[in-house]
Amino acid sequence: MFQLGKTIVSEDLIEKDFVCNLNACKGACCVEGEAGAPVTEEEVAILREVYPKVKSFLRPEGIAAIEAQGTHIVSELDELETPLVDGKECAYVTFNERGFASCGIEEAYNAGIINFKKPISCHLYPVRVQQYSEFAAVNYHKWPICDDACTLGKELKVPVYKFVKEALIRKFGEHWYAQLEKVASEL
């Protein structure tokens, strides 16, 4: 672990390799698990605002889940999350003709309909950020459904922090990321 400003960063971001391999997993991270994607207080307001524009990109099951549960939920652990369809996939997930999951929010963003890419927790994955009162912990989340992404990352020699560069800059800024690159070059 090392400190960058008000963050404590796991060396796994530098030492582990990762590149999503959608041909292998088909976007399982949007489908598997026991909860929706974590969202921030700020993102709750954004989800409410963009939902009418995103709705046409979503599946009927996702729309039904959102209209029944809301654009976000508060979990039993009092955490903000995206709603799920029947306790399974994220309500915002879409599937292409090959069965690959993707994000309806990101599809609307890519189409130029909205200017919000997707929740930062999704954009950062496999990096997870846990906010504490005085600092944020920035960790690599190892999940067996992403084993193929680790293999591909190793083949391509792409460390986690480079794979999620855009998301890390979105979350922490250019200066923070430059400091991370400096630490990586020194390790």
N, C-alpha and C. Protein backbone atom coordinates (compact mmCIF):
# COMPACT_ATOMS: atom_id res chain seq x y z
N MET A 1 0.85 -1.19 0.00
CA MET A 1 0.00 0.00 0.00
C MET A 1 0.89 1.24 0.00
N PHE A 2 0.41 2.26 -0.67
CA PHE A 2 1.11 3.54 -0.66
C PHE A 2 0.07 4.65 -0.68
N GLN A 3 0.48 5.83 -0.27
CA GLN A 3 -0.43 6.95 -0.15
C GLN A 3 -0.22 7.93 -1.29
N LEU A 4 -1.31 8.38 -1.88
CA LEU A 4 -1.32 9.47 -2.87
C LEU A 4 -2.37 10.46 -2.40
N GLY A 5 -1.92 11.58 -1.90
CA GLY A 5 -2.86 12.57 -1.37
C GLY A 5 -3.71 11.95 -0.29
N LYS A 6 -5.03 11.99 -0.46
CA LYS A 6 -5.94 11.44 0.54
C LYS A 6 -6.44 10.06 0.14
N THR A 7 -5.59 9.32 -0.59
CA THR A 7 -5.94 7.95 -0.95
C THR A 7 -4.83 7.00 -0.50
N ILE A 8 -5.26 5.81 -0.12
CA ILE A 8 -4.34 4.71 0.16
C ILE A 8 -4.56 3.71 -0.98
N VAL A 9 -3.50 3.43 -1.73
CA VAL A 9 -3.63 2.66 -2.96
C VAL A 9 -2.94 1.31 -2.81
N SER A 10 -3.62 0.27 -3.23
CA SER A 10 -3.05 -1.07 -3.22
C SER A 10 -2.04 -1.21 -4.36
N GLU A 11 -0.92 -1.83 -4.07
CA GLU A 11 0.09 -2.07 -5.10
C GLU A 11 -0.41 -3.04 -6.17
N ASP A 12 -1.50 -3.75 -5.88
CA ASP A 12 -2.09 -4.64 -6.89
C ASP A 12 -2.47 -3.89 -8.16
N LEU A 13 -2.81 -2.60 -8.06
CA LEU A 13 -3.16 -1.83 -9.24
C LEU A 13 -1.99 -1.75 -10.22
N ILE A 14 -0.80 -1.83 -9.69
CA ILE A 14 0.41 -1.75 -10.51
C ILE A 14 0.92 -3.16 -10.85
N GLU A 15 0.82 -4.06 -9.90
CA GLU A 15 1.42 -5.39 -10.05
C GLU A 15 0.54 -6.39 -10.80
N LYS A 16 -0.77 -6.22 -10.79
CA LYS A 16 -1.68 -7.16 -11.45
C LYS A 16 -2.02 -6.64 -12.85
N ASP A 17 -2.29 -7.56 -13.75
CA ASP A 17 -2.64 -7.21 -15.12
C ASP A 17 -4.12 -7.49 -15.36
N PHE A 18 -4.73 -6.70 -16.28
CA PHE A 18 -6.16 -6.84 -16.51
C PHE A 18 -6.57 -6.15 -17.80
N VAL A 19 -7.29 -6.86 -18.65
CA VAL A 19 -7.95 -6.29 -19.82
C VAL A 19 -9.25 -7.08 -20.00
N CYS A 20 -10.39 -6.40 -19.94
CA CYS A 20 -11.67 -7.10 -20.10
C CYS A 20 -11.64 -7.96 -21.36
N ASN A 21 -12.14 -9.17 -21.21
CA ASN A 21 -12.21 -10.12 -22.32
C ASN A 21 -13.69 -10.49 -22.51
N LEU A 22 -14.41 -9.61 -23.18
CA LEU A 22 -15.86 -9.80 -23.34
C LEU A 22 -16.20 -11.07 -24.10
N ASN A 23 -15.30 -11.52 -24.98
CA ASN A 23 -15.56 -12.78 -25.69
C ASN A 23 -15.63 -13.95 -24.73
N ALA A 24 -14.93 -13.85 -23.62
CA ALA A 24 -14.92 -14.93 -22.63
C ALA A 24 -16.03 -14.79 -21.60
N CYS A 25 -16.20 -13.60 -21.06
CA CYS A 25 -17.14 -13.43 -19.94
C CYS A 25 -18.52 -12.91 -20.36
N LYS A 26 -18.59 -12.27 -21.51
CA LYS A 26 -19.85 -11.71 -22.03
C LYS A 26 -20.46 -10.65 -21.12
N GLY A 27 -19.61 -9.97 -20.34
CA GLY A 27 -20.11 -8.90 -19.47
C GLY A 27 -20.73 -9.40 -18.19
N ALA A 28 -20.22 -10.51 -17.68
CA ALA A 28 -20.79 -11.14 -16.49
C ALA A 28 -20.81 -10.23 -15.27
N CYS A 29 -19.92 -9.25 -15.20
CA CYS A 29 -19.89 -8.38 -14.02
C CYS A 29 -21.16 -7.56 -13.88
N CYS A 30 -21.90 -7.38 -14.98
CA CYS A 30 -23.17 -6.65 -14.92
C CYS A 30 -24.34 -7.56 -14.58
N VAL A 31 -24.07 -8.87 -14.55
CA VAL A 31 -25.12 -9.86 -14.37
C VAL A 31 -24.96 -10.63 -13.06
N GLU A 32 -23.74 -11.02 -12.75
CA GLU A 32 -23.46 -11.84 -11.58
C GLU A 32 -23.43 -10.99 -10.30
N GLY A 33 -23.42 -11.64 -9.18
CA GLY A 33 -23.30 -10.94 -7.90
C GLY A 33 -24.62 -10.89 -7.16
N GLU A 34 -24.58 -10.28 -6.01
CA GLU A 34 -25.73 -10.24 -5.13
C GLU A 34 -26.32 -8.86 -4.98
N ALA A 35 -25.72 -7.88 -5.67
CA ALA A 35 -26.17 -6.51 -5.49
C ALA A 35 -25.99 -5.74 -6.79
N GLY A 36 -26.64 -4.58 -6.85
CA GLY A 36 -26.44 -3.69 -7.99
C GLY A 36 -25.12 -2.97 -7.87
N ALA A 37 -24.83 -2.17 -8.86
CA ALA A 37 -23.59 -1.38 -8.86
C ALA A 37 -23.69 -0.28 -7.81
N PRO A 38 -22.62 -0.09 -7.03
CA PRO A 38 -22.63 1.03 -6.09
C PRO A 38 -22.74 2.37 -6.83
N VAL A 39 -23.53 3.27 -6.28
CA VAL A 39 -23.64 4.62 -6.83
C VAL A 39 -23.43 5.64 -5.71
N THR A 40 -22.98 6.81 -6.10
CA THR A 40 -22.74 7.89 -5.13
C THR A 40 -23.99 8.74 -4.97
N GLU A 41 -24.00 9.58 -3.96
CA GLU A 41 -25.11 10.52 -3.76
C GLU A 41 -25.30 11.39 -5.00
N GLU A 42 -24.20 11.88 -5.57
CA GLU A 42 -24.27 12.72 -6.76
C GLU A 42 -24.87 11.95 -7.93
N GLU A 43 -24.50 10.67 -8.05
CA GLU A 43 -25.00 9.87 -9.15
C GLU A 43 -26.49 9.55 -9.02
N VAL A 44 -27.00 9.52 -7.81
CA VAL A 44 -28.43 9.31 -7.60
C VAL A 44 -29.21 10.40 -8.32
N ALA A 45 -28.81 11.64 -8.16
CA ALA A 45 -29.48 12.76 -8.83
C ALA A 45 -29.32 12.65 -10.35
N ILE A 46 -28.15 12.26 -10.79
CA ILE A 46 -27.90 12.12 -12.23
C ILE A 46 -28.77 11.01 -12.81
N LEU A 47 -28.86 9.87 -12.12
CA LEU A 47 -29.68 8.77 -12.61
C LEU A 47 -31.14 9.19 -12.77
N ARG A 48 -31.64 9.93 -11.80
CA ARG A 48 -33.02 10.43 -11.89
C ARG A 48 -33.18 11.33 -13.12
N GLU A 49 -32.19 12.19 -13.32
CA GLU A 49 -32.25 13.15 -14.42
C GLU A 49 -32.15 12.48 -15.79
N VAL A 50 -31.25 11.51 -15.94
CA VAL A 50 -31.01 10.91 -17.26
C VAL A 50 -31.96 9.76 -17.59
N TYR A 51 -32.62 9.21 -16.60
CA TYR A 51 -33.47 8.04 -16.85
C TYR A 51 -34.43 8.22 -18.03
N PRO A 52 -35.17 9.33 -18.13
CA PRO A 52 -36.08 9.47 -19.27
C PRO A 52 -35.37 9.36 -20.63
N LYS A 53 -34.12 9.81 -20.69
CA LYS A 53 -33.35 9.75 -21.95
C LYS A 53 -32.73 8.38 -22.17
N VAL A 54 -32.45 7.67 -21.09
CA VAL A 54 -31.81 6.35 -21.16
C VAL A 54 -32.86 5.26 -21.40
N LYS A 55 -34.07 5.51 -21.00
CA LYS A 55 -35.13 4.51 -21.01
C LYS A 55 -35.26 3.79 -22.35
N SER A 56 -35.14 4.51 -23.44
CA SER A 56 -35.31 3.89 -24.76
C SER A 56 -34.18 2.92 -25.11
N PHE A 57 -33.08 2.96 -24.36
CA PHE A 57 -31.96 2.06 -24.58
C PHE A 57 -32.08 0.77 -23.75
N LEU A 58 -33.04 0.74 -22.84
CA LEU A 58 -33.15 -0.36 -21.88
C LEU A 58 -34.13 -1.43 -22.34
N ARG A 59 -33.98 -2.60 -21.74
CA ARG A 59 -34.89 -3.71 -21.99
C ARG A 59 -36.19 -3.49 -21.20
N PRO A 60 -37.28 -4.08 -21.65
CA PRO A 60 -38.54 -3.94 -20.90
C PRO A 60 -38.41 -4.40 -19.44
N GLU A 61 -37.65 -5.47 -19.21
CA GLU A 61 -37.45 -5.97 -17.83
C GLU A 61 -36.72 -4.94 -16.97
N GLY A 62 -35.74 -4.26 -17.55
CA GLY A 62 -35.01 -3.22 -16.82
C GLY A 62 -35.88 -2.03 -16.51
N ILE A 63 -36.68 -1.62 -17.49
CA ILE A 63 -37.61 -0.50 -17.29
C ILE A 63 -38.59 -0.84 -16.18
N ALA A 64 -39.13 -2.05 -16.21
CA ALA A 64 -40.10 -2.47 -15.18
C ALA A 64 -39.45 -2.45 -13.80
N ALA A 65 -38.20 -2.93 -13.71
CA ALA A 65 -37.50 -2.94 -12.42
C ALA A 65 -37.26 -1.53 -11.91
N ILE A 66 -36.85 -0.63 -12.79
CA ILE A 66 -36.58 0.75 -12.40
C ILE A 66 -37.88 1.45 -12.00
N GLU A 67 -38.93 1.22 -12.74
CA GLU A 67 -40.19 1.89 -12.42
C GLU A 67 -40.81 1.34 -11.14
N ALA A 68 -40.51 0.10 -10.80
CA ALA A 68 -41.01 -0.48 -9.54
C ALA A 68 -40.13 -0.10 -8.35
N GLN A 69 -38.80 -0.07 -8.56
CA GLN A 69 -37.87 0.14 -7.44
C GLN A 69 -37.28 1.54 -7.38
N GLY A 70 -37.28 2.24 -8.50
CA GLY A 70 -36.64 3.55 -8.59
C GLY A 70 -35.35 3.46 -9.38
N THR A 71 -34.79 4.61 -9.71
CA THR A 71 -33.54 4.65 -10.50
C THR A 71 -32.34 4.15 -9.70
N HIS A 72 -32.53 4.06 -8.40
CA HIS A 72 -31.51 3.49 -7.50
C HIS A 72 -32.26 2.90 -6.31
N ILE A 73 -31.56 2.11 -5.52
CA ILE A 73 -32.14 1.57 -4.29
C ILE A 73 -31.19 1.83 -3.13
N VAL A 74 -31.69 1.68 -1.93
CA VAL A 74 -30.86 1.69 -0.72
C VAL A 74 -30.87 0.25 -0.21
N SER A 75 -29.69 -0.35 -0.15
CA SER A 75 -29.58 -1.76 0.24
C SER A 75 -29.84 -1.95 1.72
N GLU A 76 -29.90 -3.22 2.12
CA GLU A 76 -30.06 -3.54 3.54
C GLU A 76 -28.89 -3.04 4.37
N LEU A 77 -27.74 -2.85 3.71
CA LEU A 77 -26.55 -2.32 4.39
C LEU A 77 -26.50 -0.80 4.32
N ASP A 78 -27.62 -0.19 3.88
CA ASP A 78 -27.75 1.26 3.77
C ASP A 78 -26.79 1.85 2.73
N GLU A 79 -26.55 1.10 1.64
CA GLU A 79 -25.68 1.56 0.56
C GLU A 79 -26.53 1.83 -0.68
N LEU A 80 -26.13 2.82 -1.45
CA LEU A 80 -26.84 3.17 -2.67
C LEU A 80 -26.36 2.27 -3.80
N GLU A 81 -27.32 1.72 -4.57
CA GLU A 81 -26.99 0.79 -5.65
C GLU A 81 -27.99 0.94 -6.79
N THR A 82 -27.59 0.42 -7.96
CA THR A 82 -28.55 0.32 -9.05
C THR A 82 -29.51 -0.82 -8.73
N PRO A 83 -30.76 -0.72 -9.19
CA PRO A 83 -31.71 -1.82 -8.94
C PRO A 83 -31.38 -3.03 -9.81
N LEU A 84 -31.89 -4.18 -9.40
CA LEU A 84 -31.69 -5.42 -10.14
C LEU A 84 -33.00 -5.89 -10.76
N VAL A 85 -32.87 -6.69 -11.81
CA VAL A 85 -34.02 -7.35 -12.42
C VAL A 85 -34.16 -8.72 -11.76
N ASP A 86 -35.22 -8.92 -11.02
CA ASP A 86 -35.49 -10.20 -10.35
C ASP A 86 -34.29 -10.70 -9.53
N GLY A 87 -33.59 -9.78 -8.87
CA GLY A 87 -32.46 -10.17 -8.03
C GLY A 87 -31.25 -10.64 -8.81
N LYS A 88 -31.21 -10.39 -10.12
CA LYS A 88 -30.10 -10.87 -10.95
C LYS A 88 -29.34 -9.69 -11.54
N GLU A 89 -29.46 -9.47 -12.84
CA GLU A 89 -28.66 -8.45 -13.51
C GLU A 89 -29.11 -7.03 -13.17
N CYS A 90 -28.18 -6.10 -13.38
CA CYS A 90 -28.46 -4.68 -13.19
C CYS A 90 -29.61 -4.29 -14.11
N ALA A 91 -30.50 -3.45 -13.62
CA ALA A 91 -31.65 -3.01 -14.41
C ALA A 91 -31.24 -2.20 -15.64
N TYR A 92 -30.05 -1.64 -15.62
CA TYR A 92 -29.58 -0.83 -16.74
C TYR A 92 -28.85 -1.67 -17.81
N VAL A 93 -28.74 -2.97 -17.59
CA VAL A 93 -27.99 -3.82 -18.53
C VAL A 93 -28.82 -4.09 -19.78
N THR A 94 -28.13 -4.19 -20.89
CA THR A 94 -28.73 -4.60 -22.15
C THR A 94 -27.93 -5.79 -22.66
N PHE A 95 -28.50 -6.52 -23.59
CA PHE A 95 -27.80 -7.66 -24.19
C PHE A 95 -27.85 -7.53 -25.70
N ASN A 96 -26.70 -7.76 -26.34
CA ASN A 96 -26.69 -7.72 -27.80
C ASN A 96 -27.11 -9.07 -28.36
N GLU A 97 -27.11 -9.19 -29.67
CA GLU A 97 -27.56 -10.42 -30.33
C GLU A 97 -26.69 -11.63 -29.99
N ARG A 98 -25.46 -11.41 -29.54
CA ARG A 98 -24.57 -12.50 -29.15
C ARG A 98 -24.69 -12.82 -27.66
N GLY A 99 -25.57 -12.12 -26.94
CA GLY A 99 -25.76 -12.37 -25.52
C GLY A 99 -24.79 -11.62 -24.63
N PHE A 100 -24.02 -10.67 -25.19
CA PHE A 100 -23.07 -9.90 -24.41
C PHE A 100 -23.80 -8.78 -23.67
N ALA A 101 -23.52 -8.64 -22.40
CA ALA A 101 -24.11 -7.57 -21.59
C ALA A 101 -23.36 -6.27 -21.85
N SER A 102 -24.11 -5.18 -21.83
CA SER A 102 -23.50 -3.85 -21.85
C SER A 102 -24.41 -2.92 -21.05
N CYS A 103 -24.02 -1.69 -20.97
CA CYS A 103 -24.73 -0.72 -20.13
C CYS A 103 -25.59 0.20 -20.98
N GLY A 104 -26.89 0.23 -20.71
CA GLY A 104 -27.79 1.12 -21.42
C GLY A 104 -27.46 2.58 -21.20
N ILE A 105 -26.95 2.90 -20.02
CA ILE A 105 -26.53 4.29 -19.75
C ILE A 105 -25.38 4.65 -20.67
N GLU A 106 -24.39 3.75 -20.76
CA GLU A 106 -23.23 4.02 -21.61
C GLU A 106 -23.62 4.06 -23.09
N GLU A 107 -24.59 3.26 -23.48
CA GLU A 107 -25.07 3.31 -24.87
C GLU A 107 -25.68 4.68 -25.18
N ALA A 108 -26.45 5.22 -24.25
CA ALA A 108 -27.02 6.57 -24.43
C ALA A 108 -25.91 7.61 -24.48
N TYR A 109 -24.89 7.45 -23.65
CA TYR A 109 -23.74 8.35 -23.64
C TYR A 109 -23.02 8.28 -24.99
N ASN A 110 -22.75 7.07 -25.47
CA ASN A 110 -22.04 6.90 -26.74
C ASN A 110 -22.84 7.44 -27.92
N ALA A 111 -24.15 7.44 -27.80
CA ALA A 111 -25.01 7.99 -28.84
C ALA A 111 -25.12 9.52 -28.77
N GLY A 112 -24.51 10.12 -27.74
CA GLY A 112 -24.55 11.57 -27.58
C GLY A 112 -25.84 12.09 -26.98
N ILE A 113 -26.62 11.21 -26.38
CA ILE A 113 -27.92 11.59 -25.80
C ILE A 113 -27.75 12.22 -24.42
N ILE A 114 -26.78 11.70 -23.66
CA ILE A 114 -26.51 12.22 -22.31
C ILE A 114 -25.00 12.44 -22.17
N ASN A 115 -24.58 13.17 -21.14
CA ASN A 115 -23.14 13.41 -20.94
C ASN A 115 -22.61 12.69 -19.70
N PHE A 116 -23.33 11.69 -19.22
CA PHE A 116 -22.92 10.87 -18.07
C PHE A 116 -22.61 9.48 -18.61
N LYS A 117 -21.35 9.05 -18.49
CA LYS A 117 -20.93 7.77 -19.09
C LYS A 117 -21.59 6.57 -18.43
N LYS A 118 -21.47 6.46 -17.14
CA LYS A 118 -22.07 5.39 -16.33
C LYS A 118 -21.59 5.61 -14.90
N PRO A 119 -22.14 4.89 -13.92
CA PRO A 119 -21.66 5.07 -12.55
C PRO A 119 -20.14 4.83 -12.46
N ILE A 120 -19.49 5.63 -11.66
CA ILE A 120 -18.03 5.55 -11.56
C ILE A 120 -17.59 4.16 -11.08
N SER A 121 -18.38 3.50 -10.25
CA SER A 121 -17.98 2.17 -9.78
C SER A 121 -17.90 1.18 -10.95
N CYS A 122 -18.76 1.33 -11.93
CA CYS A 122 -18.73 0.47 -13.12
C CYS A 122 -17.54 0.83 -14.00
N HIS A 123 -17.32 2.12 -14.18
CA HIS A 123 -16.23 2.60 -15.02
C HIS A 123 -14.87 2.19 -14.45
N LEU A 124 -14.75 2.18 -13.15
CA LEU A 124 -13.49 1.83 -12.48
C LEU A 124 -13.22 0.33 -12.42
N TYR A 125 -14.24 -0.50 -12.57
CA TYR A 125 -14.05 -1.92 -12.31
C TYR A 125 -12.93 -2.50 -13.16
N PRO A 126 -11.98 -3.25 -12.56
CA PRO A 126 -12.00 -4.00 -11.31
C PRO A 126 -11.44 -3.25 -10.10
N VAL A 127 -11.34 -1.95 -10.19
CA VAL A 127 -10.89 -1.16 -9.05
C VAL A 127 -12.11 -0.77 -8.23
N ARG A 128 -11.99 -0.92 -6.94
CA ARG A 128 -13.03 -0.52 -6.01
C ARG A 128 -12.48 0.56 -5.08
N VAL A 129 -13.30 1.56 -4.81
CA VAL A 129 -12.91 2.65 -3.92
C VAL A 129 -13.83 2.62 -2.71
N GLN A 130 -13.24 2.54 -1.55
CA GLN A 130 -13.99 2.59 -0.29
C GLN A 130 -13.68 3.92 0.38
N GLN A 131 -14.69 4.73 0.57
CA GLN A 131 -14.51 6.05 1.15
C GLN A 131 -14.59 5.96 2.68
N TYR A 132 -13.59 6.51 3.34
CA TYR A 132 -13.58 6.63 4.79
C TYR A 132 -13.59 8.12 5.13
N SER A 133 -13.71 8.46 6.39
CA SER A 133 -13.84 9.88 6.75
C SER A 133 -12.62 10.71 6.34
N GLU A 134 -11.43 10.17 6.48
CA GLU A 134 -10.21 10.94 6.20
C GLU A 134 -9.51 10.57 4.91
N PHE A 135 -9.86 9.44 4.31
CA PHE A 135 -9.16 9.00 3.10
C PHE A 135 -10.03 8.01 2.33
N ALA A 136 -9.59 7.68 1.14
CA ALA A 136 -10.25 6.66 0.32
C ALA A 136 -9.26 5.52 0.09
N ALA A 137 -9.74 4.29 0.22
CA ALA A 137 -8.93 3.12 -0.08
C ALA A 137 -9.21 2.72 -1.53
N VAL A 138 -8.14 2.56 -2.30
CA VAL A 138 -8.26 2.22 -3.72
C VAL A 138 -7.66 0.84 -3.89
N ASN A 139 -8.53 -0.14 -4.18
CA ASN A 139 -8.10 -1.54 -4.22
C ASN A 139 -8.51 -2.23 -5.51
N TYR A 140 -7.77 -3.27 -5.84
CA TYR A 140 -8.10 -4.16 -6.95
C TYR A 140 -9.02 -5.24 -6.41
N HIS A 141 -10.14 -5.47 -7.10
CA HIS A 141 -11.10 -6.50 -6.70
C HIS A 141 -10.91 -7.72 -7.58
N LYS A 142 -10.46 -8.81 -6.99
CA LYS A 142 -10.27 -10.07 -7.73
C LYS A 142 -11.56 -10.85 -7.66
N TRP A 143 -12.08 -11.23 -8.85
CA TRP A 143 -13.32 -11.96 -8.94
C TRP A 143 -13.12 -13.07 -9.97
N PRO A 144 -13.41 -14.31 -9.64
CA PRO A 144 -13.15 -15.42 -10.57
C PRO A 144 -13.77 -15.25 -11.96
N ILE A 145 -14.90 -14.53 -12.07
CA ILE A 145 -15.48 -14.36 -13.40
C ILE A 145 -14.57 -13.52 -14.31
N CYS A 146 -13.59 -12.86 -13.72
CA CYS A 146 -12.66 -12.03 -14.49
C CYS A 146 -11.31 -12.71 -14.71
N ASP A 147 -11.20 -13.99 -14.45
CA ASP A 147 -9.93 -14.69 -14.66
C ASP A 147 -9.43 -14.55 -16.09
N ASP A 148 -10.34 -14.59 -17.07
CA ASP A 148 -9.92 -14.42 -18.47
C ASP A 148 -9.38 -13.02 -18.73
N ALA A 149 -9.89 -12.03 -18.01
CA ALA A 149 -9.39 -10.66 -18.15
C ALA A 149 -7.98 -10.56 -17.59
N CYS A 150 -7.71 -11.30 -16.53
CA CYS A 150 -6.36 -11.32 -15.95
C CYS A 150 -5.39 -11.98 -16.93
N THR A 151 -5.82 -13.07 -17.54
CA THR A 151 -4.99 -13.77 -18.52
C THR A 151 -4.70 -12.88 -19.71
N LEU A 152 -5.72 -12.22 -20.25
CA LEU A 152 -5.53 -11.33 -21.39
C LEU A 152 -4.64 -10.14 -21.01
N GLY A 153 -4.85 -9.59 -19.83
CA GLY A 153 -4.01 -8.49 -19.36
C GLY A 153 -2.55 -8.88 -19.27
N LYS A 154 -2.31 -10.09 -18.79
CA LYS A 154 -0.94 -10.60 -18.68
C LYS A 154 -0.33 -10.77 -20.08
N GLU A 155 -1.11 -11.34 -21.01
CA GLU A 155 -0.63 -11.51 -22.39
C GLU A 155 -0.27 -10.17 -23.02
N LEU A 156 -1.11 -9.18 -22.80
CA LEU A 156 -0.91 -7.86 -23.40
C LEU A 156 -0.02 -6.94 -22.55
N LYS A 157 0.33 -7.41 -21.34
CA LYS A 157 1.17 -6.64 -20.41
C LYS A 157 0.55 -5.28 -20.07
N VAL A 158 -0.72 -5.34 -19.64
CA VAL A 158 -1.45 -4.12 -19.27
C VAL A 158 -1.81 -4.20 -17.80
N PRO A 159 -1.14 -3.40 -16.96
CA PRO A 159 -1.50 -3.39 -15.54
C PRO A 159 -2.88 -2.76 -15.32
N VAL A 160 -3.49 -3.13 -14.21
CA VAL A 160 -4.83 -2.66 -13.87
C VAL A 160 -4.94 -1.14 -14.00
N TYR A 161 -3.97 -0.41 -13.44
CA TYR A 161 -4.08 1.05 -13.42
C TYR A 161 -4.09 1.64 -14.83
N LYS A 162 -3.44 1.00 -15.78
CA LYS A 162 -3.48 1.49 -17.16
C LYS A 162 -4.81 1.14 -17.83
N PHE A 163 -5.34 -0.03 -17.51
CA PHE A 163 -6.62 -0.44 -18.08
C PHE A 163 -7.73 0.53 -17.67
N VAL A 164 -7.71 1.01 -16.45
CA VAL A 164 -8.76 1.91 -15.96
C VAL A 164 -8.30 3.36 -15.88
N LYS A 165 -7.33 3.73 -16.69
CA LYS A 165 -6.77 5.08 -16.66
C LYS A 165 -7.84 6.16 -16.76
N GLU A 166 -8.71 6.08 -17.76
CA GLU A 166 -9.74 7.10 -17.95
C GLU A 166 -10.62 7.23 -16.71
N ALA A 167 -11.00 6.10 -16.13
CA ALA A 167 -11.87 6.12 -14.95
C ALA A 167 -11.14 6.68 -13.73
N LEU A 168 -9.87 6.31 -13.56
CA LEU A 168 -9.10 6.85 -12.43
C LEU A 168 -8.94 8.36 -12.55
N ILE A 169 -8.72 8.84 -13.76
CA ILE A 169 -8.62 10.29 -13.97
C ILE A 169 -9.98 10.94 -13.70
N ARG A 170 -11.04 10.31 -14.15
CA ARG A 170 -12.39 10.84 -13.89
C ARG A 170 -12.64 10.95 -12.39
N LYS A 171 -12.19 9.95 -11.63
CA LYS A 171 -12.45 9.91 -10.18
C LYS A 171 -11.51 10.82 -9.40
N PHE A 172 -10.21 10.76 -9.72
CA PHE A 172 -9.21 11.44 -8.88
C PHE A 172 -8.47 12.59 -9.55
N GLY A 173 -8.56 12.72 -10.85
CA GLY A 173 -7.91 13.83 -11.56
C GLY A 173 -6.58 13.45 -12.21
N GLU A 174 -6.16 14.30 -13.14
CA GLU A 174 -4.93 14.09 -13.91
C GLU A 174 -3.69 14.07 -13.01
N HIS A 175 -3.63 15.00 -12.06
CA HIS A 175 -2.46 15.09 -11.20
C HIS A 175 -2.29 13.81 -10.37
N TRP A 176 -3.38 13.32 -9.81
CA TRP A 176 -3.34 12.08 -9.03
C TRP A 176 -2.83 10.94 -9.89
N TYR A 177 -3.35 10.84 -11.13
CA TYR A 177 -2.95 9.75 -12.01
C TYR A 177 -1.47 9.87 -12.38
N ALA A 178 -0.99 11.08 -12.59
CA ALA A 178 0.43 11.28 -12.89
C ALA A 178 1.30 10.81 -11.72
N GLN A 179 0.83 11.07 -10.50
CA GLN A 179 1.56 10.59 -9.32
C GLN A 179 1.56 9.06 -9.28
N LEU A 180 0.44 8.45 -9.63
CA LEU A 180 0.35 7.00 -9.67
C LEU A 180 1.34 6.43 -10.70
N GLU A 181 1.42 7.05 -11.86
CA GLU A 181 2.36 6.60 -12.89
C GLU A 181 3.80 6.71 -12.39
N LYS A 182 4.08 7.76 -11.63
CA LYS A 182 5.43 7.94 -11.09
C LYS A 182 5.77 6.82 -10.11
N VAL A 183 4.83 6.50 -9.23
CA VAL A 183 5.04 5.40 -8.29
C VAL A 183 5.23 4.09 -9.04
N ALA A 184 4.44 3.88 -10.07
CA ALA A 184 4.54 2.64 -10.87
C ALA A 184 5.92 2.53 -11.53
N SER A 185 6.43 3.63 -12.01
CA SER A 185 7.75 3.58 -12.68
C SER A 185 8.88 3.32 -11.69
N GLU A 186 8.64 3.66 -10.44
CA GLU A 186 9.67 3.47 -9.40
C GLU A 186 9.63 2.06 -8.79
N LEU A 187 8.50 1.36 -8.94
CA LEU A 187 8.40 0.03 -8.34
C LEU A 187 9.07 -1.03 -9.20
